[in-house]
Amino acid sequence: MSQEHYFSSEPTTKKTETKISFEVAGREFNMSAASGTFSATKLDPGTKVLLGNFKLFPKDGNVLDLGCGWGPIGVTIACLSPETKVFSIDINKRSVDQTLANAKISDAKNLEAMLADELPKNLRFTAIWSNPPIRIGKEALHALMHSYIPKLEPLGKAYFVVQKNLGSDSLQRWLEESFPDHQIRRVGTEKSYRVLEVISPANVLSK
């Protein structure tokens, strides 16, 4: 599958599903990935690294699953942190539909999935978790960050996993320059992946 397919709002490839099992915090998850979505045949290695930081999952509040794909991040957080309200968004309708299907399979009643432009404008988030779409290019990626990081509540936390050879270090520097009032640090390193944490200031003015 070409990389462009999961960036499409309506994938044209015939939908096929692949059963995927993985474990987080001692719990086994059984989901289905769909063709035309990100990492359509396996749990992406970066996503696996990000989910390995489950001790950082928020306990309550609104959580944004940014670029949900077939739902592994959002569904896992919803299941392991049942007091949260998870909003999973993507530009790909098939991804949204597959996330909803996996939420139902996993009995994650505290998750909603929708297209990105359907997200209510006034929502603010305790946390953002994402394996961001690095391959869309720096300009589009930076625009994505500018759109959603300001939606963090005061002292809200965002976590992004990025592969080193795809620019994790340069993204960290850009975040530090672009959000000077936020705390930016690397909280995890595994294999070639970095997990970056962004903490909004206590007096943040959400947009």
Protein backbone atom coordinates (compact mmCIF):
# COMPACT_ATOMS: atom_id res chain seq x y z
CA MET A 1 0.00 0.00 0.00
CA SER A 2 1.36 3.45 -0.85
CA GLN A 3 1.78 5.93 1.98
CA GLU A 4 -0.79 8.26 0.33
CA HIS A 5 -3.69 5.86 0.94
CA TYR A 6 -3.98 6.50 4.65
CA PHE A 7 -3.82 10.26 4.05
CA SER A 8 -6.88 10.01 1.80
CA SER A 9 -10.26 11.00 3.15
CA GLU A 10 -11.88 8.12 1.25
CA PRO A 11 -9.47 5.25 0.46
CA THR A 12 -10.24 3.61 -2.86
CA THR A 13 -8.60 0.29 -2.05
CA LYS A 14 -10.89 -2.63 -1.33
CA LYS A 15 -11.28 -3.02 2.39
CA THR A 16 -9.68 -6.07 3.93
CA GLU A 17 -9.14 -6.63 7.65
CA THR A 18 -6.24 -8.14 9.55
CA LYS A 19 -6.63 -9.44 13.10
CA ILE A 20 -4.02 -7.96 15.44
CA SER A 21 -3.34 -8.84 19.08
CA PHE A 22 -1.07 -6.94 21.42
CA GLU A 23 -0.59 -6.46 25.16
CA VAL A 24 -0.44 -3.27 27.20
CA ALA A 25 -0.16 -3.16 30.99
CA GLY A 26 -0.82 -6.88 31.21
CA ARG A 27 -4.06 -6.68 29.24
CA GLU A 28 -4.45 -8.36 25.87
CA PHE A 29 -6.16 -6.41 23.12
CA ASN A 30 -7.64 -8.05 20.05
CA MET A 31 -8.46 -5.65 17.24
CA SER A 32 -8.73 -5.54 13.47
CA ALA A 33 -6.73 -3.27 11.19
CA ALA A 34 -8.13 -2.26 7.82
CA SER A 35 -6.46 -1.77 4.47
CA GLY A 36 -6.22 1.89 3.51
CA THR A 37 -5.37 2.91 7.08
CA PHE A 38 -2.02 3.54 8.76
CA SER A 39 -0.04 0.35 9.50
CA ALA A 40 -2.80 -1.78 8.05
CA THR A 41 -1.35 -5.22 8.78
CA LYS A 42 0.41 -4.89 12.14
CA LEU A 43 0.83 -2.74 15.22
CA ASP A 44 3.23 -0.01 14.14
CA PRO A 45 6.55 -0.23 16.06
CA GLY A 46 6.32 3.43 17.05
CA THR A 47 2.81 2.95 18.36
CA LYS A 48 4.04 -0.03 20.36
CA VAL A 49 6.78 2.14 21.91
CA LEU A 50 4.26 4.88 22.73
CA LEU A 51 1.85 2.43 24.37
CA GLY A 52 4.74 1.11 26.45
CA ASN A 53 4.49 4.39 28.35
CA PHE A 54 1.08 3.42 29.72
CA LYS A 55 2.02 4.61 33.19
CA LEU A 56 1.69 8.14 31.77
CA PHE A 57 -1.90 7.59 30.60
CA PRO A 58 -4.22 10.23 32.07
CA LYS A 59 -6.64 9.05 34.75
CA ASP A 60 -9.52 11.33 33.75
CA GLY A 61 -10.47 14.26 31.54
CA ASN A 62 -10.74 14.58 27.77
CA VAL A 63 -8.05 12.81 25.75
CA LEU A 64 -7.30 13.46 22.08
CA ASP A 65 -6.12 10.53 19.96
CA LEU A 66 -4.63 12.53 17.09
CA GLY A 67 -4.45 10.58 13.84
CA CYS A 68 -6.16 7.50 15.19
CA GLY A 69 -5.59 5.05 12.33
CA TRP A 70 -7.48 1.88 13.20
CA GLY A 71 -7.58 2.86 16.86
CA PRO A 72 -4.85 1.15 18.93
CA ILE A 73 -3.86 4.23 20.93
CA GLY A 74 -7.29 5.65 21.65
CA VAL A 75 -8.99 2.32 22.36
CA THR A 76 -6.18 1.24 24.70
CA ILE A 77 -6.31 4.49 26.68
CA ALA A 78 -10.11 4.32 26.86
CA CYS A 79 -9.98 0.78 28.23
CA LEU A 80 -7.17 1.27 30.72
CA SER A 81 -8.36 4.72 31.87
CA PRO A 82 -12.15 4.31 31.98
CA GLU A 83 -12.69 7.69 33.68
CA THR A 84 -11.38 9.50 30.60
CA LYS A 85 -13.35 10.57 27.56
CA VAL A 86 -11.33 9.75 24.44
CA PHE A 87 -11.82 11.59 21.16
CA SER A 88 -10.17 9.76 18.26
CA ILE A 89 -9.80 11.78 15.07
CA ASP A 90 -8.41 11.22 11.59
CA ILE A 91 -8.89 12.63 8.09
CA ASN A 92 -9.50 9.10 6.82
CA LYS A 93 -13.12 7.95 7.15
CA ARG A 94 -12.14 4.28 7.03
CA SER A 95 -9.83 4.88 10.00
CA VAL A 96 -12.68 6.46 11.94
CA ASP A 97 -15.02 3.58 11.16
CA GLN A 98 -12.39 0.98 12.09
CA THR A 99 -11.62 2.75 15.37
CA LEU A 100 -15.32 2.70 16.25
CA ALA A 101 -15.47 -1.01 15.42
CA ASN A 102 -12.45 -1.77 17.59
CA ALA A 103 -13.86 0.31 20.43
CA LYS A 104 -17.03 -1.80 20.29
CA ILE A 105 -15.02 -5.04 20.23
CA SER A 106 -13.01 -3.84 23.25
CA ASP A 107 -16.09 -2.49 25.08
CA ALA A 108 -14.62 1.01 25.20
CA LYS A 109 -17.80 2.97 25.80
CA ASN A 110 -15.89 6.15 26.69
CA LEU A 111 -14.53 6.69 23.16
CA GLU A 112 -15.88 8.71 20.26
CA ALA A 113 -14.27 8.67 16.83
CA MET A 114 -14.86 11.26 14.13
CA LEU A 115 -13.30 13.05 11.20
CA ALA A 116 -10.93 15.80 12.29
CA ASP A 117 -13.17 18.60 11.06
CA GLU A 118 -16.06 17.19 13.12
CA LEU A 119 -14.24 17.67 16.42
CA PRO A 120 -16.09 20.31 18.48
CA LYS A 121 -14.08 23.54 18.34
CA ASN A 122 -14.47 24.35 22.04
CA LEU A 123 -13.12 21.05 23.37
CA ARG A 124 -10.01 21.20 25.57
CA PHE A 125 -7.88 18.23 26.51
CA THR A 126 -6.12 16.90 29.56
CA ALA A 127 -3.89 14.92 27.23
CA ILE A 128 -3.02 14.36 23.58
CA TRP A 129 -1.49 11.05 22.47
CA SER A 130 -0.25 10.55 18.95
CA ASN A 131 1.99 8.71 16.54
CA PRO A 132 1.93 11.73 14.23
CA PRO A 133 1.95 11.45 10.42
CA ILE A 134 5.56 12.53 9.90
CA ARG A 135 5.47 11.67 6.21
CA ILE A 136 3.00 14.44 5.41
CA GLY A 137 6.00 16.79 5.48
CA LYS A 138 7.30 19.37 7.92
CA GLU A 139 5.00 22.20 6.89
CA ALA A 140 1.84 20.14 7.29
CA LEU A 141 3.14 18.50 10.48
CA HIS A 142 3.95 21.85 12.04
CA ALA A 143 0.50 23.15 11.10
CA LEU A 144 -0.99 20.10 12.83
CA MET A 145 0.96 20.87 16.00
CA HIS A 146 -0.10 24.52 15.91
CA SER A 147 -3.72 23.43 15.55
CA TYR A 148 -3.89 20.98 18.45
CA ILE A 149 -1.25 21.73 21.10
CA PRO A 150 -3.09 24.99 21.98
CA LYS A 151 -6.13 22.85 22.81
CA LEU A 152 -4.38 21.47 25.90
CA GLU A 153 -5.81 22.53 29.23
CA PRO A 154 -3.48 24.27 31.72
CA LEU A 155 -0.77 21.74 32.62
CA GLY A 156 -2.17 19.39 29.97
CA LYS A 157 0.28 16.92 28.48
CA ALA A 158 0.88 15.78 24.92
CA TYR A 159 2.92 12.72 23.97
CA PHE A 160 4.31 12.13 20.49
CA VAL A 161 6.38 9.19 19.28
CA VAL A 162 8.77 9.87 16.40
CA GLN A 163 11.47 7.76 14.83
CA LYS A 164 14.94 9.29 15.11
CA ASN A 165 15.72 8.97 11.41
CA LEU A 166 12.41 10.65 10.58
CA GLY A 167 13.30 13.76 12.56
CA SER A 168 12.52 13.31 16.26
CA ASP A 169 15.40 15.55 17.34
CA SER A 170 14.56 18.31 14.86
CA LEU A 171 10.88 18.13 15.88
CA GLN A 172 11.87 18.53 19.52
CA ARG A 173 13.92 21.62 18.67
CA TRP A 174 11.06 23.05 16.62
CA LEU A 175 8.60 22.46 19.48
CA GLU A 176 10.95 24.23 21.90
CA GLU A 177 11.19 27.21 19.55
CA SER A 178 7.49 27.32 18.64
CA PHE A 179 6.07 26.78 22.15
CA PRO A 180 8.60 28.54 24.42
CA ASP A 181 6.14 28.72 27.33
CA HIS A 182 5.62 24.93 27.27
CA GLN A 183 7.88 22.32 28.84
CA ILE A 184 9.34 20.07 26.17
CA ARG A 185 11.40 16.98 26.96
CA ARG A 186 12.14 13.47 25.82
CA VAL A 187 10.57 10.96 28.22
CA GLY A 188 11.32 7.72 26.43
CA THR A 189 13.81 6.14 24.05
CA GLU A 190 13.47 2.65 22.65
CA LYS A 191 15.28 1.28 19.62
CA SER A 192 15.13 4.11 17.08
CA TYR A 193 12.08 5.84 18.57
CA ARG A 194 11.77 8.86 20.83
CA VAL A 195 8.74 9.79 22.94
CA LEU A 196 8.39 13.56 23.35
CA GLU A 197 6.36 15.21 26.11
CA VAL A 198 4.81 18.67 25.82
CA ILE A 199 3.33 20.25 28.97
CA SER A 200 1.27 23.40 28.64
CA PRO A 201 1.83 26.22 31.16
CA ALA A 202 -0.43 26.64 34.18
CA ASN A 203 -1.68 29.97 32.83
CA VAL A 204 -2.17 28.85 29.24
CA LEU A 205 -4.80 30.70 27.23
CA SER A 206 -6.46 27.99 25.14
CA LYS A 207 -7.45 28.90 21.60
